[in-house]
Amino acid sequence: MRWVVAALVAVTPLAAAQLKPETLAAFDRYIRQTEQGLDEQKGKLWADESPARAAKIRQGEVVVEPFHTKPLTNVKSGLVHDWVGGIFLPGVSLEHTLALVRDYDRN
């Protein structure tokens, strides 16, 4: 049965979402406002804003929370999902981590 479902999914055409110009404009505004807020926080890590959150991450938990009070923000003809997370990877360099997460074709 799994093969039948897999075959059906493989042959079903996938329609790319076409965002309306007003949705893109609203998203761009959201990004600019968010980046402005992040610029004001330079040098501060999200994980360190809460001792409990930092402890969880240091103990190996993957911590994910809404970036703002609400995880969803309504914009013209759409929704913005904005989450933030943290994970501690002992013994892994930042260079190696960035190379892995930026290799979109392999992931």
Protein backbone atom coordinates (compact mmCIF):
# COMPACT_ATOMS: atom_id res chain seq x y z
CA MET A 1 0.00 0.00 0.00
CA ARG A 2 2.88 2.38 0.76
CA TRP A 3 4.16 1.98 -2.80
CA VAL A 4 0.78 2.91 -4.21
CA VAL A 5 0.65 6.09 -2.13
CA ALA A 6 4.25 6.93 -3.04
CA ALA A 7 3.51 6.40 -6.73
CA LEU A 8 0.43 8.62 -6.58
CA VAL A 9 2.34 11.37 -4.83
CA ALA A 10 5.17 11.13 -7.35
CA VAL A 11 2.90 11.60 -10.36
CA THR A 12 0.68 14.30 -8.85
CA PRO A 13 1.74 17.68 -10.26
CA LEU A 14 2.76 20.14 -7.60
CA ALA A 15 1.52 23.68 -8.07
CA ALA A 16 3.89 26.39 -6.92
CA ALA A 17 2.28 29.02 -4.76
CA GLN A 18 2.04 32.41 -6.41
CA LEU A 19 2.08 35.13 -3.80
CA LYS A 20 0.16 38.30 -4.45
CA PRO A 21 2.21 41.51 -4.72
CA GLU A 22 0.54 42.92 -1.59
CA THR A 23 1.49 39.75 0.32
CA LEU A 24 5.12 40.08 -0.76
CA ALA A 25 5.14 43.76 0.20
CA ALA A 26 3.67 42.96 3.63
CA PHE A 27 6.24 40.21 4.15
CA ASP A 28 9.07 42.56 3.14
CA ARG A 29 7.82 45.13 5.70
CA TYR A 30 7.67 42.40 8.34
CA ILE A 31 11.26 41.37 7.55
CA ARG A 32 12.52 44.99 7.71
CA GLN A 33 10.83 45.53 11.09
CA THR A 34 12.16 42.25 12.45
CA GLU A 35 15.71 42.97 11.24
CA GLN A 36 15.56 46.43 12.81
CA GLY A 37 14.65 44.84 16.13
CA LEU A 38 17.46 42.31 15.77
CA ASP A 39 19.95 45.09 15.01
CA GLU A 40 19.01 46.70 18.32
CA GLN A 41 19.77 43.39 20.07
CA LYS A 42 23.26 42.95 18.53
CA GLY A 43 25.56 40.90 20.68
CA LYS A 44 22.77 39.17 22.59
CA LEU A 45 21.92 35.54 22.04
CA TRP A 46 18.29 34.47 22.11
CA ALA A 47 19.24 31.45 24.20
CA ASP A 48 20.78 33.64 26.89
CA GLU A 49 17.69 35.82 27.33
CA SER A 50 16.30 33.14 29.64
CA PRO A 51 18.43 31.12 32.07
CA ALA A 52 15.98 28.20 31.82
CA ARG A 53 16.15 28.24 28.01
CA ALA A 54 19.95 28.42 28.03
CA ALA A 55 20.13 25.49 30.47
CA LYS A 56 17.87 23.34 28.28
CA ILE A 57 20.00 24.03 25.22
CA ARG A 58 23.25 23.34 27.07
CA GLN A 59 21.76 20.01 28.24
CA GLY A 60 21.21 18.96 24.62
CA GLU A 61 17.56 19.84 24.12
CA VAL A 62 16.37 21.35 20.87
CA VAL A 63 14.39 24.42 21.93
CA VAL A 64 11.92 26.05 19.52
CA GLU A 65 9.58 28.91 20.41
CA PRO A 66 7.60 31.62 18.62
CA PHE A 67 9.89 34.56 17.83
CA HIS A 68 7.24 37.03 18.93
CA THR A 69 4.39 36.64 21.41
CA LYS A 70 2.32 34.93 18.70
CA PRO A 71 3.85 32.47 16.21
CA LEU A 72 1.59 33.72 13.40
CA THR A 73 1.22 37.22 12.04
CA ASN A 74 -1.56 38.09 9.63
CA VAL A 75 -0.45 39.97 6.52
CA LYS A 76 -2.45 40.94 3.44
CA SER A 77 -3.59 37.64 1.84
CA GLY A 78 -1.30 35.51 3.99
CA LEU A 79 0.33 34.51 7.26
CA VAL A 80 3.90 34.86 8.48
CA HIS A 81 5.14 31.98 10.64
CA ASP A 82 8.07 33.25 12.73
CA TRP A 83 9.83 30.82 15.05
CA VAL A 84 13.28 30.73 16.58
CA GLY A 85 15.24 27.81 17.94
CA GLY A 86 18.49 26.76 19.47
CA ILE A 87 20.60 23.66 19.70
CA PHE A 88 24.06 22.97 21.13
CA LEU A 89 26.32 20.84 18.96
CA PRO A 90 29.41 19.94 21.00
CA GLY A 91 32.58 19.49 18.98
CA VAL A 92 31.12 20.93 15.76
CA SER A 93 32.59 24.09 14.32
CA LEU A 94 30.50 27.01 13.14
CA GLU A 95 32.12 26.68 9.70
CA HIS A 96 31.00 23.05 9.38
CA THR A 97 27.48 23.85 10.65
CA LEU A 98 27.03 26.74 8.20
CA ALA A 99 28.32 24.64 5.30
CA LEU A 100 25.77 21.94 6.12
CA VAL A 101 22.73 24.20 6.53
CA ARG A 102 23.60 26.21 3.40
CA ASP A 103 23.86 23.09 1.20
CA TYR A 104 20.18 23.18 0.22
CA ASP A 105 20.49 20.70 -2.66
CA ARG A 106 21.87 17.99 -0.36
CA ASN A 107 19.40 18.44 2.51
